[in-house]
Amino acid sequence: MIVETLLKKQPKGLPFWIGGFSGGAMISYEVCRQLSAVGYAVDGLLLVDMCSPRTENVLVKTDLGLAMFDAISRQDKSGVWSMTGNTNRHLQALFAAVAAYNPPPLEKGERPPAKRTAVIWAQKGIIRRAAGGPELFRVLEEEKIPSEAYPGFMEDPRLGAVGWSLAHKTSADLGPNGWDKYVGKDAIICSSIDGDYLDLPTPGFVHLLGEHIDRAFDHFRGLVE
């Protein structure tokens, strides 16, 4: 449905730039795959703070995701994040979709779905927002989910759709983190913002996100390598 709408609305001759935040980044990647599969060129793909697809189905850790967002919403002062009934249903569907999404990595010599890709990471993990959320810590203990970074954690399927976002990222965790297997390694740039996943669209950080998006757009135009 998204691809059909894009093809109807996009003016002829205007290049496709596709992007998304969080689960929307995964959807954007799939949209690029579908456009590429039917012969359309995507000049730019923007992925904002989302782990790369897993090579196998992972468990739908709904309890973990909901506990995380419940703890987070209790601490949120921005007014952007709140846990309503609609939010709950949206999150459950999103967790399930991301957990089940396992497209094949690019084969040797296969054309990437986008000519250029930009990845923007949040440096901080959202574990810092968990104060006052005993349910989250109970679920973390039950699921044996670590809240600190370890080598390769960003690509670890055991963390499911959301567990990867808990830990603070180190400098080693701010590269492609597996996305290069799906978009190629020759035309991808990565940058990061000193905030967490939930900071990025809020008033204190959105200007920083905008600056990084502008740099991504320059990359799509071939001005930044």
C-alpha atoms as a PDB file:
ATOM      1  CA  MET A   1       0.000   0.000   0.000  1.00  0.00           C
ATOM      2  CA  ILE A   2       2.836   2.429   0.840  1.00  0.00           C
ATOM      3  CA  VAL A   3       4.651   1.652  -2.401  1.00  0.00           C
ATOM      4  CA  GLU A   4       1.483   2.033  -4.470  1.00  0.00           C
ATOM      5  CA  THR A   5       0.777   5.424  -2.887  1.00  0.00           C
ATOM      6  CA  LEU A   6       4.350   6.606  -3.443  1.00  0.00           C
ATOM      7  CA  LEU A   7       4.194   5.672  -7.107  1.00  0.00           C
ATOM      8  CA  LYS A   8       0.911   7.550  -7.508  1.00  0.00           C
ATOM      9  CA  LYS A   9       2.065  10.707  -5.708  1.00  0.00           C
ATOM     10  CA  GLN A  10       5.742  10.998  -6.684  1.00  0.00           C
ATOM     11  CA  PRO A  11       6.225  13.428  -9.611  1.00  0.00           C
ATOM     12  CA  LYS A  12       7.951  11.833 -12.570  1.00  0.00           C
ATOM     13  CA  GLY A  13      11.685  12.460 -12.632  1.00  0.00           C
ATOM     14  CA  LEU A  14      11.901  13.317  -8.925  1.00  0.00           C
ATOM     15  CA  PRO A  15      14.236  10.903  -7.096  1.00  0.00           C
ATOM     16  CA  PHE A  16      12.969   8.836  -4.202  1.00  0.00           C
ATOM     17  CA  TRP A  17      14.364   9.653  -0.772  1.00  0.00           C
ATOM     18  CA  ILE A  18      12.876   7.285   1.788  1.00  0.00           C
ATOM     19  CA  GLY A  19      13.413   7.356   5.538  1.00  0.00           C
ATOM     20  CA  GLY A  20      12.027   6.518   8.934  1.00  0.00           C
ATOM     21  CA  PHE A  21      12.580   6.613  12.685  1.00  0.00           C
ATOM     22  CA  SER A  22      12.636   3.479  14.863  1.00  0.00           C
ATOM     23  CA  GLY A  23      10.304   0.837  13.420  1.00  0.00           C
ATOM     24  CA  GLY A  24       9.622   3.277  10.599  1.00  0.00           C
ATOM     25  CA  ALA A  25      13.244   2.819   9.526  1.00  0.00           C
ATOM     26  CA  MET A  26      12.643  -0.896   9.052  1.00  0.00           C
ATOM     27  CA  ILE A  27       9.495  -0.128   7.049  1.00  0.00           C
ATOM     28  CA  SER A  28      11.460   2.364   4.943  1.00  0.00           C
ATOM     29  CA  TYR A  29      14.039  -0.278   4.125  1.00  0.00           C
ATOM     30  CA  GLU A  30      11.321  -2.687   2.988  1.00  0.00           C
ATOM     31  CA  VAL A  31       9.732   0.056   0.864  1.00  0.00           C
ATOM     32  CA  CYS A  32      13.119   0.563  -0.822  1.00  0.00           C
ATOM     33  CA  ARG A  33      13.394  -3.161  -1.445  1.00  0.00           C
ATOM     34  CA  GLN A  34       9.968  -3.251  -3.070  1.00  0.00           C
ATOM     35  CA  LEU A  35      10.619  -0.164  -5.207  1.00  0.00           C
ATOM     36  CA  SER A  36      13.958  -1.570  -6.335  1.00  0.00           C
ATOM     37  CA  ALA A  37      12.381  -4.940  -7.121  1.00  0.00           C
ATOM     38  CA  VAL A  38      10.022  -3.343  -9.659  1.00  0.00           C
ATOM     39  CA  GLY A  39      12.729  -1.254 -11.298  1.00  0.00           C
ATOM     40  CA  TYR A  40      12.576   2.090  -9.497  1.00  0.00           C
ATOM     41  CA  ALA A  41      15.753   3.791  -8.294  1.00  0.00           C
ATOM     42  CA  VAL A  42      15.901   5.067  -4.722  1.00  0.00           C
ATOM     43  CA  ASP A  43      18.591   7.722  -4.375  1.00  0.00           C
ATOM     44  CA  GLY A  44      18.588   7.929  -0.579  1.00  0.00           C
ATOM     45  CA  LEU A  45      17.589   5.818   2.418  1.00  0.00           C
ATOM     46  CA  LEU A  46      17.598   7.413   5.895  1.00  0.00           C
ATOM     47  CA  LEU A  47      17.557   5.099   8.927  1.00  0.00           C
ATOM     48  CA  VAL A  48      17.144   6.752  12.334  1.00  0.00           C
ATOM     49  CA  ASP A  49      18.066   4.688  15.403  1.00  0.00           C
ATOM     50  CA  MET A  50      16.924   1.217  14.453  1.00  0.00           C
ATOM     51  CA  CYS A  51      18.800  -2.062  14.615  1.00  0.00           C
ATOM     52  CA  SER A  52      19.376  -3.898  11.359  1.00  0.00           C
ATOM     53  CA  PRO A  53      17.036  -6.743  10.383  1.00  0.00           C
ATOM     54  CA  ARG A  54      17.754 -10.105  11.954  1.00  0.00           C
ATOM     55  CA  THR A  55      18.662 -13.082   9.801  1.00  0.00           C
ATOM     56  CA  GLU A  56      16.093 -15.214  11.610  1.00  0.00           C
ATOM     57  CA  ASN A  57      12.794 -14.733  13.386  1.00  0.00           C
ATOM     58  CA  VAL A  58      13.258 -13.622  16.974  1.00  0.00           C
ATOM     59  CA  LEU A  59      10.978 -13.926  19.968  1.00  0.00           C
ATOM     60  CA  VAL A  60       8.365 -11.208  20.274  1.00  0.00           C
ATOM     61  CA  LYS A  61       9.369  -9.759  23.636  1.00  0.00           C
ATOM     62  CA  THR A  62       6.150  -7.812  24.097  1.00  0.00           C
ATOM     63  CA  ASP A  63       6.426  -7.808  27.896  1.00  0.00           C
ATOM     64  CA  LEU A  64       9.879  -6.253  27.679  1.00  0.00           C
ATOM     65  CA  GLY A  65       8.822  -3.609  25.175  1.00  0.00           C
ATOM     66  CA  LEU A  66       5.708  -2.591  27.073  1.00  0.00           C
ATOM     67  CA  ALA A  67       7.568  -2.520  30.398  1.00  0.00           C
ATOM     68  CA  MET A  68      10.200  -0.288  28.805  1.00  0.00           C
ATOM     69  CA  PHE A  69       7.680   2.178  27.434  1.00  0.00           C
ATOM     70  CA  ASP A  70       5.629   2.194  30.624  1.00  0.00           C
ATOM     71  CA  ALA A  71       8.722   3.087  32.662  1.00  0.00           C
ATOM     72  CA  ILE A  72       9.711   5.674  30.083  1.00  0.00           C
ATOM     73  CA  SER A  73       6.316   7.359  29.915  1.00  0.00           C
ATOM     74  CA  ARG A  74       6.356   7.798  33.702  1.00  0.00           C
ATOM     75  CA  GLN A  75       9.602   9.771  33.421  1.00  0.00           C
ATOM     76  CA  ASP A  76       8.774  11.733  30.258  1.00  0.00           C
ATOM     77  CA  LYS A  77       8.642  15.508  30.676  1.00  0.00           C
ATOM     78  CA  SER A  78       8.557  16.416  26.983  1.00  0.00           C
ATOM     79  CA  GLY A  79       4.886  15.667  26.392  1.00  0.00           C
ATOM     80  CA  VAL A  80       5.844  13.647  23.310  1.00  0.00           C
ATOM     81  CA  TRP A  81       5.701  10.169  24.819  1.00  0.00           C
ATOM     82  CA  SER A  82       2.654   8.810  26.609  1.00  0.00           C
ATOM     83  CA  MET A  83       1.257   5.322  27.071  1.00  0.00           C
ATOM     84  CA  THR A  84      -2.373   5.272  25.903  1.00  0.00           C
ATOM     85  CA  GLY A  85      -4.487   2.343  24.786  1.00  0.00           C
ATOM     86  CA  ASN A  86      -3.797   3.181  21.153  1.00  0.00           C
ATOM     87  CA  THR A  87      -0.071   3.450  21.860  1.00  0.00           C
ATOM     88  CA  ASN A  88      -0.156   0.053  23.541  1.00  0.00           C
ATOM     89  CA  ARG A  89      -1.818  -1.589  20.539  1.00  0.00           C
ATOM     90  CA  HIS A  90       0.532   0.170  18.119  1.00  0.00           C
ATOM     91  CA  LEU A  91       3.599  -0.976  20.048  1.00  0.00           C
ATOM     92  CA  GLN A  92       2.444  -4.588  20.263  1.00  0.00           C
ATOM     93  CA  ALA A  93       1.898  -4.698  16.500  1.00  0.00           C
ATOM     94  CA  LEU A  94       5.230  -2.991  15.826  1.00  0.00           C
ATOM     95  CA  PHE A  95       7.184  -5.342  18.104  1.00  0.00           C
ATOM     96  CA  ALA A  96       5.620  -8.341  16.373  1.00  0.00           C
ATOM     97  CA  ALA A  97       6.332  -6.977  12.891  1.00  0.00           C
ATOM     98  CA  VAL A  98       9.984  -6.159  13.619  1.00  0.00           C
ATOM     99  CA  ALA A  99      10.565  -9.526  15.296  1.00  0.00           C
ATOM    100  CA  ALA A 100       9.181 -11.383  12.269  1.00  0.00           C
ATOM    101  CA  TYR A 101      10.984  -9.289   9.647  1.00  0.00           C
ATOM    102  CA  ASN A 102      14.040 -11.149   8.370  1.00  0.00           C
ATOM    103  CA  PRO A 103      14.798 -10.223   4.749  1.00  0.00           C
ATOM    104  CA  PRO A 104      17.863 -11.835   3.178  1.00  0.00           C
ATOM    105  CA  PRO A 105      21.137  -9.892   3.248  1.00  0.00           C
ATOM    106  CA  LEU A 106      22.498  -8.721  -0.087  1.00  0.00           C
ATOM    107  CA  GLU A 107      24.163 -11.408  -2.131  1.00  0.00           C
ATOM    108  CA  LYS A 108      27.594 -10.820  -3.621  1.00  0.00           C
ATOM    109  CA  GLY A 109      27.227  -8.442  -6.567  1.00  0.00           C
ATOM    110  CA  GLU A 110      23.564  -7.671  -5.810  1.00  0.00           C
ATOM    111  CA  ARG A 111      22.532  -4.041  -6.253  1.00  0.00           C
ATOM    112  CA  PRO A 112      21.587  -2.327  -2.964  1.00  0.00           C
ATOM    113  CA  PRO A 113      17.961  -1.132  -2.734  1.00  0.00           C
ATOM    114  CA  ALA A 114      19.162   2.486  -2.398  1.00  0.00           C
ATOM    115  CA  LYS A 115      22.090   4.281  -4.028  1.00  0.00           C
ATOM    116  CA  ARG A 116      23.121   5.921  -0.759  1.00  0.00           C
ATOM    117  CA  THR A 117      22.208   5.279   2.870  1.00  0.00           C
ATOM    118  CA  ALA A 118      22.577   7.395   6.018  1.00  0.00           C
ATOM    119  CA  VAL A 119      22.219   6.013   9.538  1.00  0.00           C
ATOM    120  CA  ILE A 120      21.686   8.223  12.591  1.00  0.00           C
ATOM    121  CA  TRP A 121      22.134   6.693  16.042  1.00  0.00           C
ATOM    122  CA  ALA A 122      21.191   7.868  19.526  1.00  0.00           C
ATOM    123  CA  GLN A 123      24.308   7.405  21.653  1.00  0.00           C
ATOM    124  CA  LYS A 124      22.532   6.948  24.971  1.00  0.00           C
ATOM    125  CA  GLY A 125      20.516   3.914  25.988  1.00  0.00           C
ATOM    126  CA  ILE A 126      17.063   4.269  27.484  1.00  0.00           C
ATOM    127  CA  ILE A 127      17.984   2.277  30.595  1.00  0.00           C
ATOM    128  CA  ARG A 128      18.632   5.650  32.246  1.00  0.00           C
ATOM    129  CA  ARG A 129      14.895   6.357  32.054  1.00  0.00           C
ATOM    130  CA  ALA A 130      13.953   3.183  33.914  1.00  0.00           C
ATOM    131  CA  ALA A 131      14.127   4.620  37.444  1.00  0.00           C
ATOM    132  CA  GLY A 132      10.860   3.938  39.163  1.00  0.00           C
ATOM    133  CA  GLY A 133      10.011   1.097  36.782  1.00  0.00           C
ATOM    134  CA  PRO A 134      10.363  -2.117  38.837  1.00  0.00           C
ATOM    135  CA  GLU A 135       8.388  -4.090  36.249  1.00  0.00           C
ATOM    136  CA  LEU A 136      11.064  -3.400  33.649  1.00  0.00           C
ATOM    137  CA  PHE A 137      13.853  -4.694  35.876  1.00  0.00           C
ATOM    138  CA  ARG A 138      11.785  -7.788  36.676  1.00  0.00           C
ATOM    139  CA  VAL A 139      11.354  -8.525  32.968  1.00  0.00           C
ATOM    140  CA  LEU A 140      15.041  -7.875  32.262  1.00  0.00           C
ATOM    141  CA  GLU A 141      16.006 -10.364  34.949  1.00  0.00           C
ATOM    142  CA  GLU A 142      13.494 -12.964  33.751  1.00  0.00           C
ATOM    143  CA  GLU A 143      14.545 -12.632  30.109  1.00  0.00           C
ATOM    144  CA  LYS A 144      18.250 -12.380  31.005  1.00  0.00           C
ATOM    145  CA  ILE A 145      18.525  -9.189  28.956  1.00  0.00           C
ATOM    146  CA  PRO A 146      21.696  -7.191  29.738  1.00  0.00           C
ATOM    147  CA  SER A 147      21.448  -3.436  30.150  1.00  0.00           C
ATOM    148  CA  GLU A 148      25.109  -2.733  29.351  1.00  0.00           C
ATOM    149  CA  ALA A 149      26.884  -2.829  25.993  1.00  0.00           C
ATOM    150  CA  TYR A 150      28.922  -5.869  24.976  1.00  0.00           C
ATOM    151  CA  PRO A 151      30.703  -6.650  21.693  1.00  0.00           C
ATOM    152  CA  GLY A 152      28.173  -7.200  18.918  1.00  0.00           C
ATOM    153  CA  PHE A 153      25.097  -6.479  21.041  1.00  0.00           C
ATOM    154  CA  MET A 154      23.569  -4.298  18.333  1.00  0.00           C
ATOM    155  CA  GLU A 155      23.283  -7.346  16.067  1.00  0.00           C
ATOM    156  CA  ASP A 156      22.357  -9.896  18.735  1.00  0.00           C
ATOM    157  CA  PRO A 157      18.981 -11.499  17.841  1.00  0.00           C
ATOM    158  CA  ARG A 158      18.456 -12.509  21.479  1.00  0.00           C
ATOM    159  CA  LEU A 159      17.670  -8.872  22.287  1.00  0.00           C
ATOM    160  CA  GLY A 160      14.607  -8.979  20.065  1.00  0.00           C
ATOM    161  CA  ALA A 161      12.994  -5.891  18.599  1.00  0.00           C
ATOM    162  CA  VAL A 162      13.700  -3.500  21.473  1.00  0.00           C
ATOM    163  CA  GLY A 163      16.308  -4.872  23.901  1.00  0.00           C
ATOM    164  CA  TRP A 164      19.183  -3.432  21.871  1.00  0.00           C
ATOM    165  CA  SER A 165      18.051   0.119  22.731  1.00  0.00           C
ATOM    166  CA  LEU A 166      18.623  -0.271  26.485  1.00  0.00           C
ATOM    167  CA  ALA A 167      22.412   0.032  26.686  1.00  0.00           C
ATOM    168  CA  HIS A 168      24.525   3.127  26.177  1.00  0.00           C
ATOM    169  CA  LYS A 169      26.427   2.688  22.923  1.00  0.00           C
ATOM    170  CA  THR A 170      30.219   2.808  22.868  1.00  0.00           C
ATOM    171  CA  SER A 171      32.197   4.309  19.988  1.00  0.00           C
ATOM    172  CA  ALA A 172      32.384   0.797  18.525  1.00  0.00           C
ATOM    173  CA  ASP A 173      28.579   0.664  18.365  1.00  0.00           C
ATOM    174  CA  LEU A 174      28.044   3.749  16.196  1.00  0.00           C
ATOM    175  CA  GLY A 175      28.849   2.261  12.796  1.00  0.00           C
ATOM    176  CA  PRO A 176      26.573   0.355  10.411  1.00  0.00           C
ATOM    177  CA  ASN A 177      25.802  -2.329  13.035  1.00  0.00           C
ATOM    178  CA  GLY A 178      24.804  -4.821  10.370  1.00  0.00           C
ATOM    179  CA  TRP A 179      22.978  -2.450   8.039  1.00  0.00           C
ATOM    180  CA  ASP A 180      25.888  -2.706   5.600  1.00  0.00           C
ATOM    181  CA  LYS A 181      24.838  -6.308   4.970  1.00  0.00           C
ATOM    182  CA  TYR A 182      21.511  -5.008   3.639  1.00  0.00           C
ATOM    183  CA  VAL A 183      22.414  -1.714   1.960  1.00  0.00           C
ATOM    184  CA  GLY A 184      26.043  -2.292   0.993  1.00  0.00           C
ATOM    185  CA  LYS A 185      29.184  -0.865   2.563  1.00  0.00           C
ATOM    186  CA  ASP A 186      30.349   1.500  -0.177  1.00  0.00           C
ATOM    187  CA  ALA A 187      27.815   4.345   0.089  1.00  0.00           C
ATOM    188  CA  ILE A 188      26.737   4.414   3.732  1.00  0.00           C
ATOM    189  CA  ILE A 189      27.490   7.127   6.298  1.00  0.00           C
ATOM    190  CA  CYS A 190      26.810   6.923  10.033  1.00  0.00           C
ATOM    191  CA  SER A 191      26.463   9.682  12.611  1.00  0.00           C
ATOM    192  CA  SER A 192      25.218   9.934  16.181  1.00  0.00           C
ATOM    193  CA  ILE A 193      23.553  12.318  18.610  1.00  0.00           C
ATOM    194  CA  ASP A 194      24.344  12.621  22.324  1.00  0.00           C
ATOM    195  CA  GLY A 195      20.893  11.631  23.517  1.00  0.00           C
ATOM    196  CA  ASP A 196      18.715   8.556  23.690  1.00  0.00           C
ATOM    197  CA  TYR A 197      16.167   7.108  21.292  1.00  0.00           C
ATOM    198  CA  LEU A 198      13.305   9.034  22.865  1.00  0.00           C
ATOM    199  CA  ASP A 199      15.184  12.327  23.050  1.00  0.00           C
ATOM    200  CA  LEU A 200      15.595  12.681  19.302  1.00  0.00           C
ATOM    201  CA  PRO A 201      12.127  14.040  18.342  1.00  0.00           C
ATOM    202  CA  THR A 202      11.724  16.206  21.464  1.00  0.00           C
ATOM    203  CA  PRO A 203      12.179  20.008  21.606  1.00  0.00           C
ATOM    204  CA  GLY A 204      15.655  19.894  23.170  1.00  0.00           C
ATOM    205  CA  PHE A 205      17.094  17.584  20.528  1.00  0.00           C
ATOM    206  CA  VAL A 206      15.072  17.884  17.348  1.00  0.00           C
ATOM    207  CA  HIS A 207      17.321  20.676  16.030  1.00  0.00           C
ATOM    208  CA  LEU A 208      20.292  18.297  16.335  1.00  0.00           C
ATOM    209  CA  LEU A 209      18.358  15.605  14.534  1.00  0.00           C
ATOM    210  CA  GLY A 210      17.564  18.143  11.822  1.00  0.00           C
ATOM    211  CA  GLU A 211      21.263  18.947  11.373  1.00  0.00           C
ATOM    212  CA  HIS A 212      22.090  15.267  10.947  1.00  0.00           C
ATOM    213  CA  ILE A 213      19.218  14.824   8.499  1.00  0.00           C
ATOM    214  CA  ASP A 214      20.541  17.771   6.477  1.00  0.00           C
ATOM    215  CA  ARG A 215      23.922  16.031   6.316  1.00  0.00           C
ATOM    216  CA  ALA A 216      22.177  12.848   5.186  1.00  0.00           C
ATOM    217  CA  PHE A 217      20.476  14.815   2.411  1.00  0.00           C
ATOM    218  CA  ASP A 218      23.857  16.174   1.314  1.00  0.00           C
ATOM    219  CA  HIS A 219      25.055  12.575   1.180  1.00  0.00           C
ATOM    220  CA  PHE A 220      22.098  11.657  -1.018  1.00  0.00           C
ATOM    221  CA  ARG A 221      23.056  14.515  -3.348  1.00  0.00           C
ATOM    222  CA  GLY A 222      26.606  13.168  -3.518  1.00  0.00           C
ATOM    223  CA  LEU A 223      28.073  16.119  -1.592  1.00  0.00           C
ATOM    224  CA  VAL A 224      29.231  14.096   1.449  1.00  0.00           C
ATOM    225  CA  GLU A 225      31.131  10.828   1.338  1.00  0.00           C
END
